[in-house]
Every structure is written in C-alpha cells, then in structure tokens.
Amino acid sequence: MEAGEGTVAARPDIHAPECVICGTALSGPLGALFRLVGINRSARNPNLCNRCNTHVEEGRVVELTVVFADLSGFTAMTRRLGPERTHAVVDAFLKSATYALVRHGAFIDKYVGDAVMAFFNAPIRYEDHAARAVSAALEIEAEMPALAQQFDVDLRAAIGIASGYAHVGRLGSGEGKDYTAIGDVVNLAARLEGQARGGEVVVDEDVYRQVEDGYPDLQPEQVDLKGFGEPVQAYRFGSAESAAAREAPRHSGIGERTPRRGLSLGAVLFAVLGAPCAAVALVGPLAIVLGLGAVFASLSTHVLSFLDADPIRIPLMALATLGALANLYTVWYGHQARQKAAADDRYVALTRLERRRAFAVVAMACLTLVFVVFELVAHAYFH
C-alpha cells in the first residue's frame, strides 16, 4: 500500500465475508461472481461493498469521531534514512495503522505522507464510535515498538481524536473526485494530533466522556489550538495506556451485530441489479434498463405484428413479467432492510436520487405488469 493511495490491503483476519450493510457476498464463489460485474470490497473499509459508499458520496451531515495518526519526527527521519528506507518505514506504519483502525470499524479517509485520517460512525453506525477510535489509537501505539525493532529505528506515533458533526461527501471534479469529511471536528482532530508528542494520543472532551470509566486517572488540560478562539479541554493518553492495549479486547470491525447470514435472494438481486446499498434501497441503472426492456417486451407484440407468434410472444411476456417482479421484489427487500436498519440505529435516509430511481423502477414495473395482463386478456378474448 502506497502512502496516499487510499486503499486497504488484503487481510482476511479483518475482512467480513459479506457487506455488513447490505449483505452482498464479498468472498467465496458468489463474491467472485459479483466481482465480475464490478462489485468489490470498498477501498475505504473492506467490510463494505463498493456500492454502499453511495450514500456517503452524495453527502450527509453526520456525527463522527475523526482520527489523525502520523509518525513523529518524520522530516528528521527522512534526512537520516534516505528516501528508500523512509518509504519502507512509512509503508509499514500506514499498513499497521490501517489494520488497527479497520479492525475497530473505521472508514479510511485518506493518506497524506506519513499520516492517515480515518473516521468512525459513517457509513456504519456505532454507538461507541469514540471508544472504538480510542481503542484503535492505543492499538496503533502498542504496535510501534515492534515496528521500531523491525527497522532498528526509534518510531513513535502522534495521534489526535475528536468527536462532532461533519459533512461527509464528494469533493473535486471529474475523475479526481474523492469523498471526505469537512467540518470543525476534522480541524480539531488534526490540531490535537499536533499537540501529541511521540507515543501519545490526545483526545477532546467529547471523546473522553465515552471512555472515562476505563481511564479515570487522566487529568484535563487546556490547550491552545490554531484557528480556535478559546482553549480546548483535552486529555492525554501516554505509553502506559498503549502498553495496556496489547492485552485489551479488540472491537471487531467486521460487525459483531451482523453475523453471517444465509444466501438471500434479495441480496443477490440487489447486487445483480446494481443496488448500491440495501439499507437505502437505491435501485441502480441496470434495474432501470431492465425495467425499460420489460416495458418494450410487453408492448412489442402490439407494435410489431411479426412478434405476435407464440414462440416469440410467450418468451417476451415471460421476460417482461420476470423483470418487473424482480424489480418490485428488490424495492420491497430494500424497504424491509431499511426497517431493520432503523431498528439497529443505522443511517437509512433516502437521498433525492435514490427516491427518484426507486419511483422510476416501481412505475415501470407496474406499467409492465399492466401491459402483460392486457396482452393476456386480449389474446384470450380476441384471438
């Protein structure tokens, strides 16, 4: 994994067998089949399918916990080690940090030089998102001695964490578009990372309130941050907490609340028809094309007389009916998934684009079935 590449390298121990949001198979024979039609693991969190990023890409204001982690003394290390060895060190650090973050359920936002930015609570909801971020950060720190020994270099990480609201959506133009989080919480996390010394994790008060029962001895401190008019109350985790993280239980990024399920017809239809996420029931472009094809098939026997022969008419009617029913079932399955997601307190609001596509598919499916019924009645009484 190259710095700045924005991908998560393959690690089976942190990968769920299916998308934790929509249930699309991501491994096994069915996962291999889906990859042929462009359905892969998300580059930002391998426990999601790439299509479940759609509601993130379109933009939301959500509560997040943001993490910035980078190597301390990177500039001096570059001069001392040279570009080749520095690249190897940074690459190993970013991989180690990424694995720790993803294990706890983070969504990797970006890599910048020797730093990684990630956030928790989108697109997967976690009530304990701040606690997950702290656990991941302490795990990163706990892995640093092993990296230092591997490269025979004094390596330490500085990490900042903050919780708050941010707008998550796409920025840029054309092929250069990327999705990221924008808001004060992002700036706060970055500034807190600047306050952390090597081996430390500095968090804001909102983050600490979620983990204070486990760390009652931490004392608040007032820190002056660039761009913030007043001092910010922060808490500092040191080497003792990082060492304890080696023995602490780890949160599972592959969703302890989402055990492996059996093969679902709805999940298969969602994947094949291009639905990016069962939780938001967006019926994709392929489903719309299928709906248009079904309408054409149901109309063709009236418009084109040579298609009225039974060997041609019956298969066309069957295709139209199957296409319409598949689309209706997909939308119904999405509705059921939204109900379940709402019960799990996951983010399920439909965007305008999703509502338009779903309405278009339902309308075409109903129109198709009307034409098919009319065709059957017409042939029964007039032929």
Protein backbone atom coordinates (compact mmCIF):
# COMPACT_ATOMS: atom_id res chain seq x y z
CA MET A 1 0.00 0.00 0.00
CA GLU A 2 1.49 3.33 -1.03
CA ALA A 3 1.08 6.42 1.07
CA GLY A 4 -1.77 8.46 -0.30
CA GLU A 5 -3.18 5.55 -2.25
CA GLY A 6 -6.36 5.34 -0.18
CA THR A 7 -6.76 1.58 -0.25
CA VAL A 8 -6.79 -1.15 2.36
CA ALA A 9 -4.54 -4.10 1.60
CA ALA A 10 -5.95 -7.62 1.74
CA ARG A 11 -6.06 -9.09 5.25
CA PRO A 12 -8.52 -11.96 5.74
CA ASP A 13 -8.50 -11.54 9.53
CA ILE A 14 -10.19 -8.12 9.28
CA HIS A 15 -12.48 -8.88 6.35
CA ALA A 16 -16.13 -9.82 6.70
CA PRO A 17 -17.44 -12.48 4.28
CA GLU A 18 -20.25 -10.14 3.24
CA CYS A 19 -21.02 -6.42 3.25
CA VAL A 20 -22.04 -5.50 6.79
CA ILE A 21 -24.69 -3.09 5.46
CA CYS A 22 -26.41 -4.77 2.52
CA GLY A 23 -25.36 -8.42 2.92
CA THR A 24 -23.81 -8.75 -0.55
CA ALA A 25 -21.34 -11.65 -0.63
CA LEU A 26 -17.74 -10.40 -0.77
CA SER A 27 -15.94 -13.73 -0.60
CA GLY A 28 -16.47 -17.26 -1.82
CA PRO A 29 -17.90 -18.30 -5.21
CA LEU A 30 -20.74 -15.78 -5.12
CA GLY A 31 -18.31 -13.00 -4.22
CA ALA A 32 -16.15 -13.97 -7.19
CA LEU A 33 -19.22 -13.81 -9.44
CA PHE A 34 -20.14 -10.35 -8.15
CA ARG A 35 -16.61 -9.11 -8.78
CA LEU A 36 -17.12 -9.88 -12.47
CA VAL A 37 -19.88 -7.25 -12.56
CA GLY A 38 -17.88 -4.67 -10.61
CA ILE A 39 -18.97 -5.36 -7.03
CA ASN A 40 -15.87 -5.35 -4.82
CA ARG A 41 -14.83 -4.53 -1.30
CA SER A 42 -14.74 -0.83 -0.54
CA ALA A 43 -11.29 0.71 -0.78
CA ARG A 44 -12.02 2.61 2.45
CA ASN A 45 -13.35 -0.23 4.58
CA PRO A 46 -13.08 -3.80 3.25
CA ASN A 47 -16.12 -4.85 5.28
CA LEU A 48 -18.37 -2.81 2.96
CA CYS A 49 -19.09 -3.33 -0.72
CA ASN A 50 -18.04 -0.50 -3.02
CA ARG A 51 -21.69 0.30 -3.76
CA CYS A 52 -22.58 1.02 -0.14
CA ASN A 53 -20.45 4.17 -0.40
CA THR A 54 -23.19 5.85 -2.45
CA HIS A 55 -25.00 7.48 0.46
CA VAL A 56 -21.63 8.77 1.69
CA GLU A 57 -20.71 10.13 -1.75
CA GLU A 58 -23.96 12.07 -2.10
CA GLY A 59 -23.29 13.94 1.10
CA ARG A 60 -24.63 13.84 4.65
CA VAL A 61 -24.12 15.73 7.87
CA VAL A 62 -23.37 13.07 10.44
CA GLU A 63 -21.81 12.67 13.86
CA LEU A 64 -18.28 11.35 13.51
CA THR A 65 -15.21 10.55 15.51
CA VAL A 66 -12.17 11.58 13.48
CA VAL A 67 -8.67 10.20 13.93
CA PHE A 68 -5.37 11.62 12.67
CA ALA A 69 -2.26 9.49 13.19
CA ASP A 70 1.24 10.14 11.91
CA LEU A 71 4.87 9.37 12.63
CA SER A 72 6.72 11.72 14.96
CA GLY A 73 9.92 13.25 13.64
CA PHE A 74 9.20 12.29 10.04
CA THR A 75 11.27 15.11 8.49
CA ALA A 76 14.37 14.31 10.53
CA MET A 77 13.92 10.60 9.85
CA THR A 78 13.78 11.24 6.09
CA ARG A 79 17.08 13.09 6.15
CA ARG A 80 18.68 10.38 8.26
CA LEU A 81 17.39 7.27 6.48
CA GLY A 82 17.11 8.43 2.89
CA PRO A 83 14.09 8.06 0.57
CA GLU A 84 14.12 4.27 0.03
CA ARG A 85 14.31 3.22 3.67
CA THR A 86 11.95 6.00 4.74
CA HIS A 87 9.40 4.72 2.21
CA ALA A 88 9.62 1.23 3.70
CA VAL A 89 9.15 2.57 7.23
CA VAL A 90 6.18 4.77 6.31
CA ASP A 91 4.57 1.98 4.30
CA ALA A 92 4.83 -0.42 7.24
CA PHE A 93 3.44 2.18 9.64
CA LEU A 94 0.46 3.02 7.43
CA LYS A 95 -0.36 -0.65 6.97
CA SER A 96 -0.17 -1.30 10.70
CA ALA A 97 -2.29 1.76 11.49
CA THR A 98 -4.83 0.88 8.82
CA TYR A 99 -5.27 -2.67 10.09
CA ALA A 100 -5.80 -1.41 13.64
CA LEU A 101 -8.34 1.19 12.51
CA VAL A 102 -10.28 -1.17 10.26
CA ARG A 103 -10.36 -3.86 12.93
CA HIS A 104 -12.29 -1.43 15.10
CA GLY A 105 -14.66 -0.36 12.32
CA ALA A 106 -13.03 2.79 10.89
CA PHE A 107 -13.55 4.19 7.43
CA ILE A 108 -10.23 5.23 5.92
CA ASP A 109 -10.50 8.75 4.53
CA LYS A 110 -7.03 9.40 3.14
CA TYR A 111 -3.27 9.01 3.46
CA VAL A 112 -1.10 12.12 3.36
CA GLY A 113 2.63 11.49 3.54
CA ASP A 114 3.23 9.63 6.78
CA ALA A 115 -0.26 10.32 8.16
CA VAL A 116 -3.60 8.52 7.96
CA MET A 117 -7.00 10.13 8.51
CA ALA A 118 -9.98 7.94 9.35
CA PHE A 119 -13.42 8.38 10.84
CA PHE A 120 -15.91 6.25 12.74
CA ASN A 121 -19.73 6.16 12.64
CA ALA A 122 -20.18 6.51 8.88
CA PRO A 123 -21.28 4.69 6.87
CA ILE A 124 -21.58 2.06 9.65
CA ARG A 125 -23.25 3.31 12.81
CA TYR A 126 -21.65 2.52 16.16
CA GLU A 127 -22.99 3.87 19.44
CA ASP A 128 -19.49 3.54 20.89
CA HIS A 129 -17.70 5.17 17.94
CA ALA A 130 -15.48 7.34 20.15
CA ALA A 131 -14.47 4.36 22.30
CA ARG A 132 -13.63 2.41 19.14
CA ALA A 133 -11.42 5.25 17.96
CA VAL A 134 -9.53 5.36 21.26
CA SER A 135 -9.05 1.58 21.25
CA ALA A 136 -7.73 1.70 17.68
CA ALA A 137 -5.36 4.56 18.52
CA LEU A 138 -3.96 2.78 21.55
CA GLU A 139 -3.53 -0.35 19.46
CA ILE A 140 -1.54 1.65 16.91
CA GLU A 141 0.71 2.91 19.69
CA ALA A 142 1.07 -0.59 21.11
CA GLU A 143 2.35 -1.87 17.75
CA MET A 144 5.02 0.81 17.41
CA PRO A 145 7.75 -0.98 19.45
CA ALA A 146 7.55 -3.98 17.12
CA LEU A 147 7.90 -1.70 14.08
CA ALA A 148 10.81 0.11 15.71
CA GLN A 149 12.55 -3.20 16.32
CA GLN A 150 11.88 -4.36 12.78
CA PHE A 151 13.60 -1.33 11.25
CA ASP A 152 16.04 -0.63 14.11
CA VAL A 153 14.71 2.94 14.29
CA ASP A 154 13.06 4.84 17.15
CA LEU A 155 9.48 5.04 15.86
CA ARG A 156 6.62 6.73 17.66
CA ALA A 157 3.17 7.82 16.56
CA ALA A 158 1.29 11.00 17.44
CA ILE A 159 -2.50 10.69 17.34
CA GLY A 160 -5.35 13.15 17.73
CA ILE A 161 -9.05 12.25 18.11
CA ALA A 162 -12.17 14.42 18.19
CA SER A 163 -15.92 13.83 18.02
CA GLY A 164 -18.52 16.11 16.45
CA TYR A 165 -20.59 16.74 13.34
CA ALA A 166 -19.19 16.93 9.82
CA HIS A 167 -20.40 16.88 6.24
CA VAL A 168 -19.30 13.70 4.51
CA GLY A 169 -19.46 13.85 0.73
CA ARG A 170 -17.65 14.14 -2.57
CA LEU A 171 -15.20 16.90 -3.39
CA GLY A 172 -13.38 17.67 -6.62
CA SER A 173 -14.35 17.33 -10.25
CA GLY A 174 -14.46 14.58 -12.85
CA GLU A 175 -12.26 11.57 -12.18
CA GLY A 176 -10.48 13.48 -9.44
CA LYS A 177 -13.50 13.43 -7.13
CA ASP A 178 -12.98 11.96 -3.72
CA TYR A 179 -15.15 11.77 -0.64
CA THR A 180 -14.06 13.09 2.68
CA ALA A 181 -15.31 14.73 5.86
CA ILE A 182 -15.44 18.52 6.23
CA GLY A 183 -16.16 20.32 9.50
CA ASP A 184 -14.73 21.70 12.74
CA VAL A 185 -14.34 18.20 14.14
CA VAL A 186 -11.83 17.38 11.39
CA ASN A 187 -9.81 20.52 12.10
CA LEU A 188 -9.97 19.81 15.83
CA ALA A 189 -8.66 16.26 15.44
CA ALA A 190 -5.81 17.49 13.23
CA ARG A 191 -4.85 20.20 15.73
CA LEU A 192 -4.98 17.74 18.64
CA GLU A 193 -2.66 15.44 16.72
CA GLY A 194 -0.25 18.37 16.52
CA GLN A 195 -0.36 18.61 20.33
CA ALA A 196 0.51 14.94 20.81
CA ARG A 197 4.11 14.00 21.47
CA GLY A 198 5.55 10.75 20.20
CA GLY A 199 3.72 7.82 21.81
CA GLU A 200 0.74 9.91 22.91
CA VAL A 201 -2.93 10.08 21.99
CA VAL A 202 -4.68 13.40 22.62
CA VAL A 203 -8.49 13.47 22.60
CA ASP A 204 -11.14 16.12 23.10
CA GLU A 205 -13.67 16.14 25.93
CA ASP A 206 -16.47 14.54 23.90
CA VAL A 207 -14.28 11.55 23.13
CA TYR A 208 -13.05 11.21 26.71
CA ARG A 209 -16.59 11.19 28.10
CA GLN A 210 -17.25 7.94 26.30
CA VAL A 211 -14.18 6.17 27.75
CA GLU A 212 -13.69 7.91 31.10
CA ASP A 213 -14.83 4.88 33.11
CA GLY A 214 -11.85 2.95 31.79
CA TYR A 215 -9.36 5.78 32.31
CA PRO A 216 -10.46 7.67 35.44
CA ASP A 217 -6.96 8.95 36.27
CA LEU A 218 -6.49 11.12 33.18
CA GLN A 219 -6.44 14.80 34.00
CA PRO A 220 -7.92 17.50 31.75
CA GLU A 221 -5.67 20.16 30.30
CA GLN A 222 -6.34 23.35 28.40
CA VAL A 223 -4.60 23.52 25.03
CA ASP A 224 -4.39 26.48 22.67
CA LEU A 225 -5.07 25.40 19.10
CA LYS A 226 -4.51 27.40 15.95
CA GLY A 227 -7.82 28.54 14.46
CA PHE A 228 -9.75 28.08 17.73
CA GLY A 229 -10.52 31.27 19.62
CA GLU A 230 -10.57 29.69 23.08
CA PRO A 231 -8.51 26.96 24.74
CA VAL A 232 -9.83 23.44 24.22
CA GLN A 233 -10.09 20.91 27.02
CA ALA A 234 -8.16 17.79 26.11
CA TYR A 235 -6.99 14.53 27.65
CA ARG A 236 -3.66 12.84 27.02
CA PHE A 237 -3.11 9.08 26.81
CA GLY A 238 0.51 8.04 27.27
CA SER A 239 2.67 4.94 26.96
CA ALA A 240 1.02 3.14 29.92
CA GLU A 241 -2.35 3.04 28.19
CA SER A 242 -0.72 2.00 24.92
CA ALA A 243 1.01 -0.91 26.60
CA ALA A 244 -2.27 -2.00 28.18
CA ALA A 245 -3.88 -2.02 24.75
CA ARG A 246 -1.86 -5.13 23.86
CA GLU A 247 -3.95 -7.17 26.28
CA ALA A 248 -7.23 -5.30 25.89
CA PRO A 249 -10.10 -6.92 23.95
CA ARG A 250 -10.43 -5.54 20.45
CA HIS A 251 -13.56 -4.26 18.84
CA SER A 252 -14.42 -6.16 15.71
CA GLY A 253 -14.68 -4.02 12.60
CA ILE A 254 -16.48 -6.88 10.84
CA GLY A 255 -19.60 -6.24 12.87
CA GLU A 256 -20.35 -8.29 15.96
CA ARG A 257 -24.01 -7.36 15.46
CA THR A 258 -24.05 -8.69 11.88
CA PRO A 259 -23.32 -12.44 11.95
CA ARG A 260 -23.02 -14.34 8.71
CA ARG A 261 -26.39 -14.94 7.10
CA GLY A 262 -27.62 -17.47 4.64
CA LEU A 263 -27.81 -16.74 0.94
CA SER A 264 -30.56 -14.19 0.35
CA LEU A 265 -32.44 -13.82 -2.91
CA GLY A 266 -32.92 -10.15 -2.10
CA ALA A 267 -29.18 -9.61 -1.57
CA VAL A 268 -28.42 -11.37 -4.87
CA LEU A 269 -30.96 -9.25 -6.74
CA PHE A 270 -29.60 -6.11 -5.14
CA ALA A 271 -26.11 -6.97 -6.29
CA VAL A 272 -27.06 -8.02 -9.82
CA LEU A 273 -29.49 -5.12 -10.42
CA GLY A 274 -26.99 -2.54 -9.25
CA ALA A 275 -28.46 -1.54 -5.91
CA PRO A 276 -25.59 0.08 -4.03
CA CYS A 277 -26.96 -0.49 -0.56
CA ALA A 278 -29.81 -2.49 0.85
CA ALA A 279 -30.04 -0.05 3.75
CA VAL A 280 -31.08 2.77 1.43
CA ALA A 281 -32.78 0.72 -1.33
CA LEU A 282 -31.36 2.62 -4.27
CA VAL A 283 -32.26 0.68 -7.39
CA GLY A 284 -29.42 1.13 -9.80
CA PRO A 285 -29.16 1.91 -13.52
CA LEU A 286 -29.19 -1.77 -14.54
CA ALA A 287 -32.56 -2.21 -12.88
CA ILE A 288 -33.92 0.79 -14.79
CA VAL A 289 -32.60 -0.66 -18.06
CA LEU A 290 -34.25 -3.97 -17.18
CA GLY A 291 -37.50 -2.14 -16.49
CA LEU A 292 -37.37 -0.34 -19.83
CA GLY A 293 -36.63 -3.63 -21.56
CA ALA A 294 -39.60 -5.26 -19.87
CA VAL A 295 -41.91 -2.43 -20.95
CA PHE A 296 -40.65 -2.75 -24.52
CA ALA A 297 -41.15 -6.51 -24.43
CA SER A 298 -44.73 -6.14 -23.22
CA LEU A 299 -45.52 -3.54 -25.89
CA SER A 300 -43.70 -5.19 -28.76
CA THR A 301 -46.40 -7.72 -29.60
CA HIS A 302 -48.81 -4.83 -30.22
CA VAL A 303 -46.44 -2.59 -32.13
CA LEU A 304 -44.65 -5.23 -34.18
CA SER A 305 -47.05 -7.79 -35.63
CA PHE A 306 -44.33 -10.30 -36.56
CA LEU A 307 -43.58 -10.73 -32.85
CA ASP A 308 -47.14 -11.88 -32.17
CA ALA A 309 -46.35 -15.51 -32.89
CA ASP A 310 -46.48 -17.66 -29.75
CA PRO A 311 -42.83 -18.88 -29.93
CA ILE A 312 -41.75 -15.22 -29.75
CA ARG A 313 -44.60 -13.62 -27.80
CA ILE A 314 -44.57 -16.02 -24.84
CA PRO A 315 -40.82 -15.68 -24.07
CA LEU A 316 -41.13 -11.90 -24.38
CA MET A 317 -44.04 -11.86 -21.96
CA ALA A 318 -42.15 -14.11 -19.57
CA LEU A 319 -39.11 -11.81 -19.73
CA ALA A 320 -41.27 -8.76 -19.09
CA THR A 321 -43.01 -10.38 -16.12
CA LEU A 322 -39.79 -11.67 -14.55
CA GLY A 323 -38.10 -8.31 -14.98
CA ALA A 324 -40.98 -6.44 -13.40
CA LEU A 325 -41.29 -8.87 -10.48
CA ALA A 326 -37.53 -8.82 -9.86
CA ASN A 327 -37.55 -5.03 -9.64
CA LEU A 328 -40.58 -4.94 -7.36
CA TYR A 329 -39.06 -7.56 -5.09
CA THR A 330 -35.81 -5.60 -4.96
CA VAL A 331 -37.59 -2.44 -3.84
CA TRP A 332 -39.64 -4.39 -1.29
CA TYR A 333 -36.48 -6.06 0.02
CA GLY A 334 -34.87 -2.64 0.35
CA HIS A 335 -37.85 -1.38 2.32
CA GLN A 336 -37.55 -4.31 4.70
CA ALA A 337 -33.81 -3.67 5.04
CA ARG A 338 -34.50 -0.03 5.89
CA GLN A 339 -36.91 -1.07 8.62
CA LYS A 340 -34.31 -3.40 10.10
CA ALA A 341 -31.58 -0.79 9.77
CA ALA A 342 -33.74 1.76 11.57
CA ALA A 343 -34.13 -0.68 14.45
CA ASP A 344 -30.33 -1.02 14.57
CA ASP A 345 -29.95 2.80 14.61
CA ARG A 346 -28.12 2.89 11.30
CA TYR A 347 -28.23 5.79 8.86
CA VAL A 348 -31.03 4.99 6.40
CA ALA A 349 -32.41 8.27 5.00
CA LEU A 350 -33.04 8.17 1.25
CA THR A 351 -31.45 10.79 -0.96
CA ARG A 352 -33.37 12.58 -3.72
CA LEU A 353 -31.60 10.50 -6.39
CA GLU A 354 -32.48 7.28 -4.59
CA ARG A 355 -36.14 8.23 -4.31
CA ARG A 356 -36.31 9.16 -7.99
CA ARG A 357 -34.73 5.92 -9.14
CA ALA A 358 -36.85 3.77 -6.87
CA PHE A 359 -40.02 5.54 -8.05
CA ALA A 360 -38.99 5.13 -11.70
CA VAL A 361 -38.38 1.41 -11.29
CA VAL A 362 -41.65 0.80 -9.42
CA ALA A 363 -43.59 2.79 -12.03
CA MET A 364 -42.05 0.86 -14.92
CA ALA A 365 -42.59 -2.47 -13.18
CA CYS A 366 -46.28 -1.72 -12.57
CA LEU A 367 -46.71 -0.45 -16.13
CA THR A 368 -45.12 -3.61 -17.46
CA LEU A 369 -47.45 -5.86 -15.46
CA VAL A 370 -50.47 -3.87 -16.69
CA PHE A 371 -49.38 -4.36 -20.31
CA VAL A 372 -48.73 -8.08 -19.74
CA VAL A 373 -52.19 -8.58 -18.21
CA PHE A 374 -53.77 -6.63 -21.07
CA GLU A 375 -51.90 -8.76 -23.61
CA LEU A 376 -53.08 -11.99 -22.00
CA VAL A 377 -56.70 -10.79 -21.81
CA ALA A 378 -56.59 -9.53 -25.41
CA HIS A 379 -55.31 -12.86 -26.73
CA ALA A 380 -57.86 -14.79 -24.69
CA TYR A 381 -60.88 -12.87 -25.99
CA PHE A 382 -59.88 -11.59 -29.41
CA HIS A 383 -57.73 -14.36 -30.90
